[in-house]
Amino acid sequence: MNSVQYSDKKSGDISAALLAHYDVHARILPWRAAPGSDTPNPYHVWLSEIMLQQTTVAAVKGYFEKFTSLWPGFAELAAADEADVLAAWAGLGYYARARNLHKCAHEVLSRHDGQLPQDEAKLLKLPGIGAYTAAAIAAIAFHRRAVVVDANIERVVSRLFMIGQPLPAAKPAIRSAMDRITPEIRSGDFAQAMMDLGAGVCSVKSPLCNICPLAPHCAAYQAGQAEQFPVKPPKKAKLLRRGIAYWAHRDGHVLLVRRDAKGMLAGMRALPDDRWTARQDGDGEPPFAAHWTLSNKIVQHSFTHFTLQMRIAVAEGPREAEYGEYWPMNSLDKAGLPTLFSKAVSAILAERV
């Protein structure tokens, strides 16, 4: 079934049922205002939406609290050094988000007098804000009617209306259906209610249809086919890349470098490596001549489009580093290393115990 069948009454019934459920069962999240609140914090909404891109709520909570403690508003964040922002972001992944976060704070300050724009068109012009994020901010922070569709909402809507096209081809039909059921009033609460429903009750596997407030309206549930939606194409196997990280130690310190300003993990502190990329394996060439010994440890890390298997080579470093900096081994947790290199550090330190 590829066509979406609904009436204005059904649309109203869906939004009313879900908002009533949300008023009682809304998740308590550090960035979220209470249901029906007139005073959401736009900075908190924006920050959380950027952090939540391709990242779970559980992973984001601690980072959100750290960022709002360090930089409680746009002015403070814009005044921060990008390196400090990247270090605070370390471990959350998708580091372009952190760089765009910093750029966006600058633009809000310089072009919008420190106030986040309220409409989608202006929000879309800011760094790091795409169609979903612009709609979410407009609806949640400013009570503008906007059509908000994330992965959880895609699942809920595709089941409600049994949208049988495989993703991503089904996205226009899903958005159209979400448009029809989004109310004029409380559209931000409605969007968050849909997110909560998809994150909990309407889960990927074994959805709790028996307690779902939308079960009477759900075509897939009525047909006993909820788990068959949304329809997804077969997963493609990820490419495998191989590389080497270099652990150059001296007097209780290890050599760290700052990665290039462009490319993967741009601008982050890291161990030197052999120039692996998403497109090719590393070249196996160390950063300088030394008696390198390959460790037996292999660190594996999955990126969006490939998996990296990285071996670690160990040597005593030169007395004076021509580039990079020597960092105390006992405080590497404060270096702001990306997860990949944190794994490498843990592997080597475990061998040295």
C-alpha atoms as a PDB file:
ATOM      1  CA  MET A   1       0.000   0.000   0.000  1.00  0.00           C
ATOM      2  CA  ASN A   2       1.745   3.173  -1.184  1.00  0.00           C
ATOM      3  CA  SER A   3      -1.038   5.765  -1.018  1.00  0.00           C
ATOM      4  CA  VAL A   4      -1.798   7.495   2.263  1.00  0.00           C
ATOM      5  CA  GLN A   5      -5.473   7.456   3.198  1.00  0.00           C
ATOM      6  CA  TYR A   6      -6.756   9.812   5.896  1.00  0.00           C
ATOM      7  CA  SER A   7      -9.388  12.379   6.652  1.00  0.00           C
ATOM      8  CA  ASP A   8      -9.230  15.689   8.479  1.00  0.00           C
ATOM      9  CA  LYS A   9     -11.125  14.074  11.354  1.00  0.00           C
ATOM     10  CA  LYS A  10      -8.649  11.224  11.567  1.00  0.00           C
ATOM     11  CA  SER A  11      -5.763  13.722  11.530  1.00  0.00           C
ATOM     12  CA  GLY A  12      -7.361  15.611  14.412  1.00  0.00           C
ATOM     13  CA  ASP A  13      -8.020  12.416  16.337  1.00  0.00           C
ATOM     14  CA  ILE A  14      -4.372  11.380  15.992  1.00  0.00           C
ATOM     15  CA  SER A  15      -2.952  14.680  17.241  1.00  0.00           C
ATOM     16  CA  ALA A  16      -5.460  14.924  20.114  1.00  0.00           C
ATOM     17  CA  ALA A  17      -4.768  11.365  21.277  1.00  0.00           C
ATOM     18  CA  LEU A  18      -1.017  11.781  21.096  1.00  0.00           C
ATOM     19  CA  LEU A  19      -0.915  15.163  22.859  1.00  0.00           C
ATOM     20  CA  ALA A  20      -3.086  13.816  25.677  1.00  0.00           C
ATOM     21  CA  HIS A  21      -0.628  10.937  26.060  1.00  0.00           C
ATOM     22  CA  TYR A  22       2.359  13.304  25.930  1.00  0.00           C
ATOM     23  CA  ASP A  23       0.936  15.511  28.670  1.00  0.00           C
ATOM     24  CA  VAL A  24       1.169  12.530  31.020  1.00  0.00           C
ATOM     25  CA  HIS A  25       4.117  10.535  29.678  1.00  0.00           C
ATOM     26  CA  ALA A  26       6.574  13.083  28.202  1.00  0.00           C
ATOM     27  CA  ARG A  27      10.207  12.224  28.817  1.00  0.00           C
ATOM     28  CA  ILE A  28      11.990  14.538  31.235  1.00  0.00           C
ATOM     29  CA  LEU A  29      15.097  15.732  29.383  1.00  0.00           C
ATOM     30  CA  PRO A  30      17.552  18.451  30.459  1.00  0.00           C
ATOM     31  CA  TRP A  31      16.894  20.551  27.339  1.00  0.00           C
ATOM     32  CA  ARG A  32      13.138  20.111  27.179  1.00  0.00           C
ATOM     33  CA  ALA A  33      10.457  22.410  28.551  1.00  0.00           C
ATOM     34  CA  ALA A  34       7.396  20.837  30.178  1.00  0.00           C
ATOM     35  CA  PRO A  35       4.440  20.002  27.898  1.00  0.00           C
ATOM     36  CA  GLY A  36       2.464  23.129  27.070  1.00  0.00           C
ATOM     37  CA  SER A  37       5.233  25.433  28.307  1.00  0.00           C
ATOM     38  CA  ASP A  38       5.398  28.947  26.880  1.00  0.00           C
ATOM     39  CA  THR A  39       9.061  29.391  27.780  1.00  0.00           C
ATOM     40  CA  PRO A  40      11.349  26.895  26.023  1.00  0.00           C
ATOM     41  CA  ASN A  41      14.991  27.986  25.890  1.00  0.00           C
ATOM     42  CA  PRO A  42      15.964  28.443  22.197  1.00  0.00           C
ATOM     43  CA  TYR A  43      19.674  27.961  22.950  1.00  0.00           C
ATOM     44  CA  HIS A  44      18.941  24.669  24.695  1.00  0.00           C
ATOM     45  CA  VAL A  45      16.660  23.505  21.870  1.00  0.00           C
ATOM     46  CA  TRP A  46      19.247  24.380  19.203  1.00  0.00           C
ATOM     47  CA  LEU A  47      22.169  22.826  21.098  1.00  0.00           C
ATOM     48  CA  SER A  48      20.296  19.598  21.820  1.00  0.00           C
ATOM     49  CA  GLU A  49      19.048  19.241  18.252  1.00  0.00           C
ATOM     50  CA  ILE A  50      22.585  19.572  16.876  1.00  0.00           C
ATOM     51  CA  MET A  51      23.898  17.059  19.407  1.00  0.00           C
ATOM     52  CA  LEU A  52      21.071  14.604  18.740  1.00  0.00           C
ATOM     53  CA  GLN A  53      21.824  14.351  15.021  1.00  0.00           C
ATOM     54  CA  GLN A  54      22.635  10.646  14.500  1.00  0.00           C
ATOM     55  CA  THR A  55      23.238  10.300  18.261  1.00  0.00           C
ATOM     56  CA  THR A  56      21.145   8.800  21.056  1.00  0.00           C
ATOM     57  CA  VAL A  57      19.514  10.725  23.886  1.00  0.00           C
ATOM     58  CA  ALA A  58      21.506   8.705  26.431  1.00  0.00           C
ATOM     59  CA  ALA A  59      24.810   9.687  24.805  1.00  0.00           C
ATOM     60  CA  VAL A  60      23.854  13.363  24.535  1.00  0.00           C
ATOM     61  CA  LYS A  61      22.683  14.099  28.093  1.00  0.00           C
ATOM     62  CA  GLY A  62      26.124  14.392  29.660  1.00  0.00           C
ATOM     63  CA  TYR A  63      27.526  16.440  26.788  1.00  0.00           C
ATOM     64  CA  PHE A  64      24.571  18.812  26.878  1.00  0.00           C
ATOM     65  CA  GLU A  65      25.073  19.428  30.583  1.00  0.00           C
ATOM     66  CA  LYS A  66      28.825  19.953  30.078  1.00  0.00           C
ATOM     67  CA  PHE A  67      28.321  22.439  27.231  1.00  0.00           C
ATOM     68  CA  THR A  68      25.650  24.459  29.023  1.00  0.00           C
ATOM     69  CA  SER A  69      27.855  24.605  32.106  1.00  0.00           C
ATOM     70  CA  LEU A  70      30.883  25.801  30.121  1.00  0.00           C
ATOM     71  CA  TRP A  71      28.990  27.985  27.658  1.00  0.00           C
ATOM     72  CA  PRO A  72      25.461  28.852  28.885  1.00  0.00           C
ATOM     73  CA  GLY A  73      24.515  30.926  25.839  1.00  0.00           C
ATOM     74  CA  PHE A  74      25.423  31.942  22.294  1.00  0.00           C
ATOM     75  CA  ALA A  75      27.765  34.733  23.431  1.00  0.00           C
ATOM     76  CA  GLU A  76      29.834  32.446  25.648  1.00  0.00           C
ATOM     77  CA  LEU A  77      30.027  29.723  23.008  1.00  0.00           C
ATOM     78  CA  ALA A  78      31.039  32.171  20.279  1.00  0.00           C
ATOM     79  CA  ALA A  79      33.812  33.532  22.522  1.00  0.00           C
ATOM     80  CA  ALA A  80      35.262  30.053  23.136  1.00  0.00           C
ATOM     81  CA  ASP A  81      38.262  28.724  21.199  1.00  0.00           C
ATOM     82  CA  GLU A  82      37.246  26.185  18.579  1.00  0.00           C
ATOM     83  CA  ALA A  83      39.863  23.789  19.979  1.00  0.00           C
ATOM     84  CA  ASP A  84      38.148  23.883  23.373  1.00  0.00           C
ATOM     85  CA  VAL A  85      34.762  23.231  21.772  1.00  0.00           C
ATOM     86  CA  LEU A  86      36.171  20.262  19.857  1.00  0.00           C
ATOM     87  CA  ALA A  87      37.815  18.921  23.019  1.00  0.00           C
ATOM     88  CA  ALA A  88      34.533  19.159  24.947  1.00  0.00           C
ATOM     89  CA  TRP A  89      32.795  17.382  22.058  1.00  0.00           C
ATOM     90  CA  ALA A  90      35.348  14.535  21.966  1.00  0.00           C
ATOM     91  CA  GLY A  91      33.674  11.130  22.003  1.00  0.00           C
ATOM     92  CA  LEU A  92      30.334  12.330  20.638  1.00  0.00           C
ATOM     93  CA  GLY A  93      31.385  11.764  17.016  1.00  0.00           C
ATOM     94  CA  TYR A  94      30.538  13.510  13.735  1.00  0.00           C
ATOM     95  CA  TYR A  95      32.899  16.354  14.611  1.00  0.00           C
ATOM     96  CA  ALA A  96      31.761  18.642  11.813  1.00  0.00           C
ATOM     97  CA  ARG A  97      28.749  19.268  14.072  1.00  0.00           C
ATOM     98  CA  ALA A  98      31.004  20.805  16.719  1.00  0.00           C
ATOM     99  CA  ARG A  99      32.745  23.069  14.212  1.00  0.00           C
ATOM    100  CA  ASN A 100      29.388  24.152  12.766  1.00  0.00           C
ATOM    101  CA  LEU A 101      28.063  24.679  16.291  1.00  0.00           C
ATOM    102  CA  HIS A 102      30.841  27.175  16.948  1.00  0.00           C
ATOM    103  CA  LYS A 103      30.359  28.894  13.570  1.00  0.00           C
ATOM    104  CA  CYS A 104      26.612  29.091  14.125  1.00  0.00           C
ATOM    105  CA  ALA A 105      27.062  30.769  17.509  1.00  0.00           C
ATOM    106  CA  HIS A 106      29.245  33.383  15.803  1.00  0.00           C
ATOM    107  CA  GLU A 107      26.607  34.028  13.134  1.00  0.00           C
ATOM    108  CA  VAL A 108      23.763  34.284  15.648  1.00  0.00           C
ATOM    109  CA  LEU A 109      25.808  36.894  17.474  1.00  0.00           C
ATOM    110  CA  SER A 110      27.023  38.856  14.442  1.00  0.00           C
ATOM    111  CA  ARG A 111      23.973  38.664  12.160  1.00  0.00           C
ATOM    112  CA  HIS A 112      21.020  38.184  14.496  1.00  0.00           C
ATOM    113  CA  ASP A 113      21.911  40.251  17.570  1.00  0.00           C
ATOM    114  CA  GLY A 114      22.437  37.124  19.639  1.00  0.00           C
ATOM    115  CA  GLN A 115      18.885  35.839  19.056  1.00  0.00           C
ATOM    116  CA  LEU A 116      18.212  32.629  17.169  1.00  0.00           C
ATOM    117  CA  PRO A 117      15.922  33.274  14.150  1.00  0.00           C
ATOM    118  CA  GLN A 118      12.398  31.971  14.557  1.00  0.00           C
ATOM    119  CA  ASP A 119      11.421  30.898  11.031  1.00  0.00           C
ATOM    120  CA  GLU A 120      12.693  27.940   9.061  1.00  0.00           C
ATOM    121  CA  ALA A 121      14.003  29.894   6.068  1.00  0.00           C
ATOM    122  CA  LYS A 122      16.376  31.975   8.204  1.00  0.00           C
ATOM    123  CA  LEU A 123      17.376  29.005  10.333  1.00  0.00           C
ATOM    124  CA  LEU A 124      18.340  27.069   7.203  1.00  0.00           C
ATOM    125  CA  LYS A 125      20.954  29.692   6.382  1.00  0.00           C
ATOM    126  CA  LEU A 126      22.881  29.012   9.583  1.00  0.00           C
ATOM    127  CA  PRO A 127      25.830  26.560   9.686  1.00  0.00           C
ATOM    128  CA  GLY A 128      24.930  23.000  10.638  1.00  0.00           C
ATOM    129  CA  ILE A 129      21.163  23.461  10.335  1.00  0.00           C
ATOM    130  CA  GLY A 130      19.347  21.390   7.727  1.00  0.00           C
ATOM    131  CA  ALA A 131      15.665  20.925   6.965  1.00  0.00           C
ATOM    132  CA  TYR A 132      14.879  18.660   9.924  1.00  0.00           C
ATOM    133  CA  THR A 133      16.767  20.779  12.472  1.00  0.00           C
ATOM    134  CA  ALA A 134      15.247  24.028  11.201  1.00  0.00           C
ATOM    135  CA  ALA A 135      11.737  22.598  11.493  1.00  0.00           C
ATOM    136  CA  ALA A 136      12.419  21.170  14.953  1.00  0.00           C
ATOM    137  CA  ILE A 137      13.797  24.461  16.283  1.00  0.00           C
ATOM    138  CA  ALA A 138      10.964  26.522  14.767  1.00  0.00           C
ATOM    139  CA  ALA A 139       8.323  24.222  16.248  1.00  0.00           C
ATOM    140  CA  ILE A 140       9.845  23.413  19.641  1.00  0.00           C
ATOM    141  CA  ALA A 141      11.575  26.680  20.503  1.00  0.00           C
ATOM    142  CA  PHE A 142       9.184  29.162  18.889  1.00  0.00           C
ATOM    143  CA  HIS A 143       5.794  27.400  18.604  1.00  0.00           C
ATOM    144  CA  ARG A 144       5.797  27.800  14.815  1.00  0.00           C
ATOM    145  CA  ARG A 145       3.850  25.192  12.912  1.00  0.00           C
ATOM    146  CA  ALA A 146       6.506  23.101  11.166  1.00  0.00           C
ATOM    147  CA  VAL A 147       6.646  19.572   9.824  1.00  0.00           C
ATOM    148  CA  VAL A 148       9.261  17.706  11.854  1.00  0.00           C
ATOM    149  CA  VAL A 149      10.426  14.292  10.629  1.00  0.00           C
ATOM    150  CA  ASP A 150      13.306  12.341  12.171  1.00  0.00           C
ATOM    151  CA  ALA A 151      14.005   8.592  12.086  1.00  0.00           C
ATOM    152  CA  ASN A 152      11.626   7.866  14.974  1.00  0.00           C
ATOM    153  CA  ILE A 153       8.841   9.871  13.364  1.00  0.00           C
ATOM    154  CA  GLU A 154       9.448   8.136  10.034  1.00  0.00           C
ATOM    155  CA  ARG A 155       8.810   4.819  11.743  1.00  0.00           C
ATOM    156  CA  VAL A 156       5.638   5.959  13.504  1.00  0.00           C
ATOM    157  CA  VAL A 157       4.132   7.576  10.406  1.00  0.00           C
ATOM    158  CA  SER A 158       5.016   4.732   8.053  1.00  0.00           C
ATOM    159  CA  ARG A 159       3.185   2.343  10.410  1.00  0.00           C
ATOM    160  CA  LEU A 160       0.219   4.633  10.954  1.00  0.00           C
ATOM    161  CA  PHE A 161      -0.476   4.749   7.223  1.00  0.00           C
ATOM    162  CA  MET A 162       1.247   1.566   6.008  1.00  0.00           C
ATOM    163  CA  ILE A 163       3.497   3.467   3.619  1.00  0.00           C
ATOM    164  CA  GLY A 164       4.984   0.603   1.670  1.00  0.00           C
ATOM    165  CA  GLN A 165       7.652   2.323  -0.421  1.00  0.00           C
ATOM    166  CA  PRO A 166      11.160   1.494   0.800  1.00  0.00           C
ATOM    167  CA  LEU A 167      13.184   4.248   2.414  1.00  0.00           C
ATOM    168  CA  PRO A 168      14.527   6.667   1.328  1.00  0.00           C
ATOM    169  CA  ALA A 169      12.012   6.817  -1.558  1.00  0.00           C
ATOM    170  CA  ALA A 170       9.176   6.884   1.002  1.00  0.00           C
ATOM    171  CA  LYS A 171      10.376  10.122   2.631  1.00  0.00           C
ATOM    172  CA  PRO A 172       8.117  12.480   0.605  1.00  0.00           C
ATOM    173  CA  ALA A 173       5.019  10.390   1.401  1.00  0.00           C
ATOM    174  CA  ILE A 174       5.980  10.235   5.086  1.00  0.00           C
ATOM    175  CA  ARG A 175       6.515  13.981   5.231  1.00  0.00           C
ATOM    176  CA  SER A 176       3.189  14.607   3.498  1.00  0.00           C
ATOM    177  CA  ALA A 177       1.417  12.383   6.020  1.00  0.00           C
ATOM    178  CA  MET A 178       3.153  14.112   8.933  1.00  0.00           C
ATOM    179  CA  ASP A 179       2.085  17.454   7.486  1.00  0.00           C
ATOM    180  CA  ARG A 180      -1.537  16.364   7.484  1.00  0.00           C
ATOM    181  CA  ILE A 181      -1.545  15.247  11.118  1.00  0.00           C
ATOM    182  CA  THR A 182       0.573  18.098  12.585  1.00  0.00           C
ATOM    183  CA  PRO A 183      -1.756  20.467  14.466  1.00  0.00           C
ATOM    184  CA  GLU A 184      -1.683  24.240  14.136  1.00  0.00           C
ATOM    185  CA  ILE A 185      -1.387  24.635  17.901  1.00  0.00           C
ATOM    186  CA  ARG A 186       1.273  22.796  19.968  1.00  0.00           C
ATOM    187  CA  SER A 187       3.100  21.526  16.902  1.00  0.00           C
ATOM    188  CA  GLY A 188       6.354  21.507  18.898  1.00  0.00           C
ATOM    189  CA  ASP A 189       4.825  19.329  21.607  1.00  0.00           C
ATOM    190  CA  PHE A 190       3.331  17.131  18.893  1.00  0.00           C
ATOM    191  CA  ALA A 191       6.728  16.649  17.244  1.00  0.00           C
ATOM    192  CA  GLN A 192       8.333  15.758  20.586  1.00  0.00           C
ATOM    193  CA  ALA A 193       5.459  13.423  21.375  1.00  0.00           C
ATOM    194  CA  MET A 194       6.023  11.615  18.078  1.00  0.00           C
ATOM    195  CA  MET A 195       9.750  11.360  18.845  1.00  0.00           C
ATOM    196  CA  ASP A 196       9.009   9.936  22.306  1.00  0.00           C
ATOM    197  CA  LEU A 197       6.541   7.458  20.858  1.00  0.00           C
ATOM    198  CA  GLY A 198       9.077   6.219  18.320  1.00  0.00           C
ATOM    199  CA  ALA A 199      11.865   6.056  20.897  1.00  0.00           C
ATOM    200  CA  GLY A 200       9.807   3.995  23.316  1.00  0.00           C
ATOM    201  CA  VAL A 201       6.445   2.469  22.470  1.00  0.00           C
ATOM    202  CA  CYS A 202       6.790   2.318  18.669  1.00  0.00           C
ATOM    203  CA  SER A 203      10.236   0.728  18.749  1.00  0.00           C
ATOM    204  CA  VAL A 204      12.038  -0.882  15.821  1.00  0.00           C
ATOM    205  CA  LYS A 205      11.496  -4.388  17.163  1.00  0.00           C
ATOM    206  CA  SER A 206       8.642  -5.654  19.307  1.00  0.00           C
ATOM    207  CA  PRO A 207       6.650  -2.396  19.389  1.00  0.00           C
ATOM    208  CA  LEU A 208       4.312  -2.104  22.372  1.00  0.00           C
ATOM    209  CA  CYS A 209       1.177  -1.709  20.277  1.00  0.00           C
ATOM    210  CA  ASN A 210      -1.080  -2.796  23.132  1.00  0.00           C
ATOM    211  CA  ILE A 211      -0.292   0.389  25.075  1.00  0.00           C
ATOM    212  CA  CYS A 212       0.124   2.760  22.126  1.00  0.00           C
ATOM    213  CA  PRO A 213      -2.252   5.747  22.187  1.00  0.00           C
ATOM    214  CA  LEU A 214      -2.385   5.647  18.375  1.00  0.00           C
ATOM    215  CA  ALA A 215      -3.195   1.934  18.051  1.00  0.00           C
ATOM    216  CA  PRO A 216      -6.867   2.610  17.093  1.00  0.00           C
ATOM    217  CA  HIS A 217      -5.630   4.760  14.192  1.00  0.00           C
ATOM    218  CA  CYS A 218      -2.676   2.624  13.066  1.00  0.00           C
ATOM    219  CA  ALA A 219      -3.159   0.756   9.790  1.00  0.00           C
ATOM    220  CA  ALA A 220      -0.110  -1.473  10.281  1.00  0.00           C
ATOM    221  CA  TYR A 221      -1.250  -2.489  13.770  1.00  0.00           C
ATOM    222  CA  GLN A 222      -4.750  -3.266  12.534  1.00  0.00           C
ATOM    223  CA  ALA A 223      -3.210  -5.458   9.835  1.00  0.00           C
ATOM    224  CA  GLY A 224      -0.860  -7.164  12.304  1.00  0.00           C
ATOM    225  CA  GLN A 225       2.156  -5.932  10.328  1.00  0.00           C
ATOM    226  CA  ALA A 226       3.681  -3.196  12.482  1.00  0.00           C
ATOM    227  CA  GLU A 227       7.208  -4.635  12.448  1.00  0.00           C
ATOM    228  CA  GLN A 228       7.224  -4.714   8.644  1.00  0.00           C
ATOM    229  CA  PHE A 229       7.293  -0.915   8.470  1.00  0.00           C
ATOM    230  CA  PRO A 230       9.107   1.181   7.506  1.00  0.00           C
ATOM    231  CA  VAL A 231      10.341  -0.835   4.536  1.00  0.00           C
ATOM    232  CA  LYS A 232      14.096  -0.535   4.241  1.00  0.00           C
ATOM    233  CA  PRO A 233      16.426  -1.515   1.381  1.00  0.00           C
ATOM    234  CA  PRO A 234      19.056  -4.209   2.066  1.00  0.00           C
ATOM    235  CA  LYS A 235      22.057  -2.911   3.990  1.00  0.00           C
ATOM    236  CA  LYS A 236      25.275  -2.529   2.068  1.00  0.00           C
ATOM    237  CA  ALA A 237      28.400  -4.003   3.612  1.00  0.00           C
ATOM    238  CA  LYS A 238      30.739  -1.323   4.925  1.00  0.00           C
ATOM    239  CA  LEU A 239      34.138  -0.916   3.334  1.00  0.00           C
ATOM    240  CA  LEU A 240      37.092  -2.037   5.446  1.00  0.00           C
ATOM    241  CA  ARG A 241      40.128   0.213   5.714  1.00  0.00           C
ATOM    242  CA  ARG A 242      43.399  -0.438   7.520  1.00  0.00           C
ATOM    243  CA  GLY A 243      45.871   1.950   9.061  1.00  0.00           C
ATOM    244  CA  ILE A 244      48.512   2.446  11.732  1.00  0.00           C
ATOM    245  CA  ALA A 245      48.634   4.843  14.679  1.00  0.00           C
ATOM    246  CA  TYR A 246      52.030   5.788  16.123  1.00  0.00           C
ATOM    247  CA  TRP A 247      52.662   5.894  19.868  1.00  0.00           C
ATOM    248  CA  ALA A 248      55.831   7.970  20.335  1.00  0.00           C
ATOM    249  CA  HIS A 249      56.616   8.149  24.051  1.00  0.00           C
ATOM    250  CA  ARG A 250      59.241   9.937  26.112  1.00  0.00           C
ATOM    251  CA  ASP A 251      59.554  10.526  29.865  1.00  0.00           C
ATOM    252  CA  GLY A 252      55.959   9.641  30.683  1.00  0.00           C
ATOM    253  CA  HIS A 253      54.576  11.661  27.770  1.00  0.00           C
ATOM    254  CA  VAL A 254      53.201  10.698  24.346  1.00  0.00           C
ATOM    255  CA  LEU A 255      53.283  12.686  21.110  1.00  0.00           C
ATOM    256  CA  LEU A 256      49.958  14.115  19.992  1.00  0.00           C
ATOM    257  CA  VAL A 257      49.331  16.046  16.782  1.00  0.00           C
ATOM    258  CA  ARG A 258      46.579  18.348  15.635  1.00  0.00           C
ATOM    259  CA  ARG A 259      44.806  16.860  12.607  1.00  0.00           C
ATOM    260  CA  ASP A 260      44.366  18.899   9.438  1.00  0.00           C
ATOM    261  CA  ALA A 261      41.687  21.575   9.397  1.00  0.00           C
ATOM    262  CA  LYS A 262      39.801  19.659   6.698  1.00  0.00           C
ATOM    263  CA  GLY A 263      38.947  15.987   6.400  1.00  0.00           C
ATOM    264  CA  MET A 264      37.989  13.340   8.941  1.00  0.00           C
ATOM    265  CA  LEU A 265      38.272  14.355  12.603  1.00  0.00           C
ATOM    266  CA  ALA A 266      39.470  17.757  11.413  1.00  0.00           C
ATOM    267  CA  GLY A 267      41.192  19.940  13.976  1.00  0.00           C
ATOM    268  CA  MET A 268      41.213  17.270  16.685  1.00  0.00           C
ATOM    269  CA  ARG A 269      44.172  16.174  18.789  1.00  0.00           C
ATOM    270  CA  ALA A 270      45.195  12.628  17.888  1.00  0.00           C
ATOM    271  CA  LEU A 271      48.068  10.188  17.680  1.00  0.00           C
ATOM    272  CA  PRO A 272      50.039  10.506  14.435  1.00  0.00           C
ATOM    273  CA  ASP A 273      48.877   7.998  11.807  1.00  0.00           C
ATOM    274  CA  ASP A 274      49.794   6.762   8.333  1.00  0.00           C
ATOM    275  CA  ARG A 275      47.313   8.915   6.406  1.00  0.00           C
ATOM    276  CA  TRP A 276      44.449   6.437   6.087  1.00  0.00           C
ATOM    277  CA  THR A 277      41.220   7.871   4.720  1.00  0.00           C
ATOM    278  CA  ALA A 278      37.707   6.683   3.928  1.00  0.00           C
ATOM    279  CA  ARG A 279      38.928   6.062   0.372  1.00  0.00           C
ATOM    280  CA  GLN A 280      42.154   4.183   0.983  1.00  0.00           C
ATOM    281  CA  ASP A 281      44.286   2.266   3.487  1.00  0.00           C
ATOM    282  CA  GLY A 282      47.154   3.974   5.228  1.00  0.00           C
ATOM    283  CA  ASP A 283      50.523   4.010   3.466  1.00  0.00           C
ATOM    284  CA  GLY A 284      52.424   2.408   6.370  1.00  0.00           C
ATOM    285  CA  GLU A 285      54.938   5.276   6.548  1.00  0.00           C
ATOM    286  CA  PRO A 286      55.706   6.496  10.093  1.00  0.00           C
ATOM    287  CA  PRO A 287      55.890  10.224  10.880  1.00  0.00           C
ATOM    288  CA  PHE A 288      59.649  10.031  11.552  1.00  0.00           C
ATOM    289  CA  ALA A 289      62.431   7.456  11.602  1.00  0.00           C
ATOM    290  CA  ALA A 290      62.611   5.398  14.796  1.00  0.00           C
ATOM    291  CA  HIS A 291      62.722   1.781  15.973  1.00  0.00           C
ATOM    292  CA  TRP A 292      58.992   1.199  15.615  1.00  0.00           C
ATOM    293  CA  THR A 293      57.493  -2.000  17.028  1.00  0.00           C
ATOM    294  CA  LEU A 294      54.022  -3.067  15.946  1.00  0.00           C
ATOM    295  CA  SER A 295      51.776  -3.908  18.880  1.00  0.00           C
ATOM    296  CA  ASN A 296      49.559  -6.983  18.708  1.00  0.00           C
ATOM    297  CA  LYS A 297      46.573  -4.802  19.515  1.00  0.00           C
ATOM    298  CA  ILE A 298      44.129  -3.965  16.716  1.00  0.00           C
ATOM    299  CA  VAL A 299      41.662  -1.150  17.312  1.00  0.00           C
ATOM    300  CA  GLN A 300      38.457  -1.297  15.276  1.00  0.00           C
ATOM    301  CA  HIS A 301      36.128   1.649  14.831  1.00  0.00           C
ATOM    302  CA  SER A 302      33.070   2.118  12.613  1.00  0.00           C
ATOM    303  CA  PHE A 303      32.494   5.374  10.788  1.00  0.00           C
ATOM    304  CA  THR A 304      29.373   6.131   8.748  1.00  0.00           C
ATOM    305  CA  HIS A 305      30.608   4.623   5.491  1.00  0.00           C
ATOM    306  CA  PHE A 306      33.527   2.405   6.470  1.00  0.00           C
ATOM    307  CA  THR A 307      35.148   0.438   9.267  1.00  0.00           C
ATOM    308  CA  LEU A 308      38.768   1.081  10.208  1.00  0.00           C
ATOM    309  CA  GLN A 309      41.109  -1.529  11.631  1.00  0.00           C
ATOM    310  CA  MET A 310      44.105   0.253  13.084  1.00  0.00           C
ATOM    311  CA  ARG A 311      47.297  -1.297  14.408  1.00  0.00           C
ATOM    312  CA  ILE A 312      49.527   0.620  16.796  1.00  0.00           C
ATOM    313  CA  ALA A 313      53.271   1.080  16.367  1.00  0.00           C
ATOM    314  CA  VAL A 314      55.352   2.031  19.414  1.00  0.00           C
ATOM    315  CA  ALA A 315      58.723   3.755  19.652  1.00  0.00           C
ATOM    316  CA  GLU A 316      60.631   6.191  21.805  1.00  0.00           C
ATOM    317  CA  GLY A 317      60.025   9.677  20.473  1.00  0.00           C
ATOM    318  CA  PRO A 318      62.639  12.330  19.706  1.00  0.00           C
ATOM    319  CA  ARG A 319      63.706  14.634  22.526  1.00  0.00           C
ATOM    320  CA  GLU A 320      62.277  17.636  20.684  1.00  0.00           C
ATOM    321  CA  ALA A 321      59.121  17.107  18.640  1.00  0.00           C
ATOM    322  CA  GLU A 322      59.267  18.920  15.313  1.00  0.00           C
ATOM    323  CA  TYR A 323      55.494  19.046  15.263  1.00  0.00           C
ATOM    324  CA  GLY A 324      52.737  18.270  17.717  1.00  0.00           C
ATOM    325  CA  GLU A 325      53.153  18.254  21.482  1.00  0.00           C
ATOM    326  CA  TYR A 326      54.102  15.807  24.188  1.00  0.00           C
ATOM    327  CA  TRP A 327      51.142  15.134  26.453  1.00  0.00           C
ATOM    328  CA  PRO A 328      51.356  13.505  29.923  1.00  0.00           C
ATOM    329  CA  MET A 329      50.225   9.893  29.708  1.00  0.00           C
ATOM    330  CA  ASN A 330      48.418  10.125  33.020  1.00  0.00           C
ATOM    331  CA  SER A 331      46.118  12.881  31.730  1.00  0.00           C
ATOM    332  CA  LEU A 332      45.331  11.752  28.199  1.00  0.00           C
ATOM    333  CA  ASP A 333      41.670  11.719  29.176  1.00  0.00           C
ATOM    334  CA  LYS A 334      41.878  15.531  29.187  1.00  0.00           C
ATOM    335  CA  ALA A 335      43.314  15.797  25.649  1.00  0.00           C
ATOM    336  CA  GLY A 336      39.908  15.668  23.960  1.00  0.00           C
ATOM    337  CA  LEU A 337      40.819  12.722  21.726  1.00  0.00           C
ATOM    338  CA  PRO A 338      38.226  11.332  19.290  1.00  0.00           C
ATOM    339  CA  THR A 339      36.822   7.933  20.239  1.00  0.00           C
ATOM    340  CA  LEU A 340      39.033   6.102  17.715  1.00  0.00           C
ATOM    341  CA  PHE A 341      42.221   7.405  19.321  1.00  0.00           C
ATOM    342  CA  SER A 342      40.859   7.025  22.840  1.00  0.00           C
ATOM    343  CA  LYS A 343      40.466   3.327  22.005  1.00  0.00           C
ATOM    344  CA  ALA A 344      44.080   3.213  20.824  1.00  0.00           C
ATOM    345  CA  VAL A 345      45.280   4.910  24.011  1.00  0.00           C
ATOM    346  CA  SER A 346      43.334   2.452  26.159  1.00  0.00           C
ATOM    347  CA  ALA A 347      44.786  -0.493  24.214  1.00  0.00           C
ATOM    348  CA  ILE A 348      48.381   0.656  24.656  1.00  0.00           C
ATOM    349  CA  LEU A 349      48.017   1.644  28.300  1.00  0.00           C
ATOM    350  CA  ALA A 350      46.467  -1.760  29.026  1.00  0.00           C
ATOM    351  CA  GLU A 351      49.567  -3.442  27.547  1.00  0.00           C
ATOM    352  CA  ARG A 352      51.858  -1.298  29.690  1.00  0.00           C
ATOM    353  CA  VAL A 353      50.214  -2.241  32.981  1.00  0.00           C
END
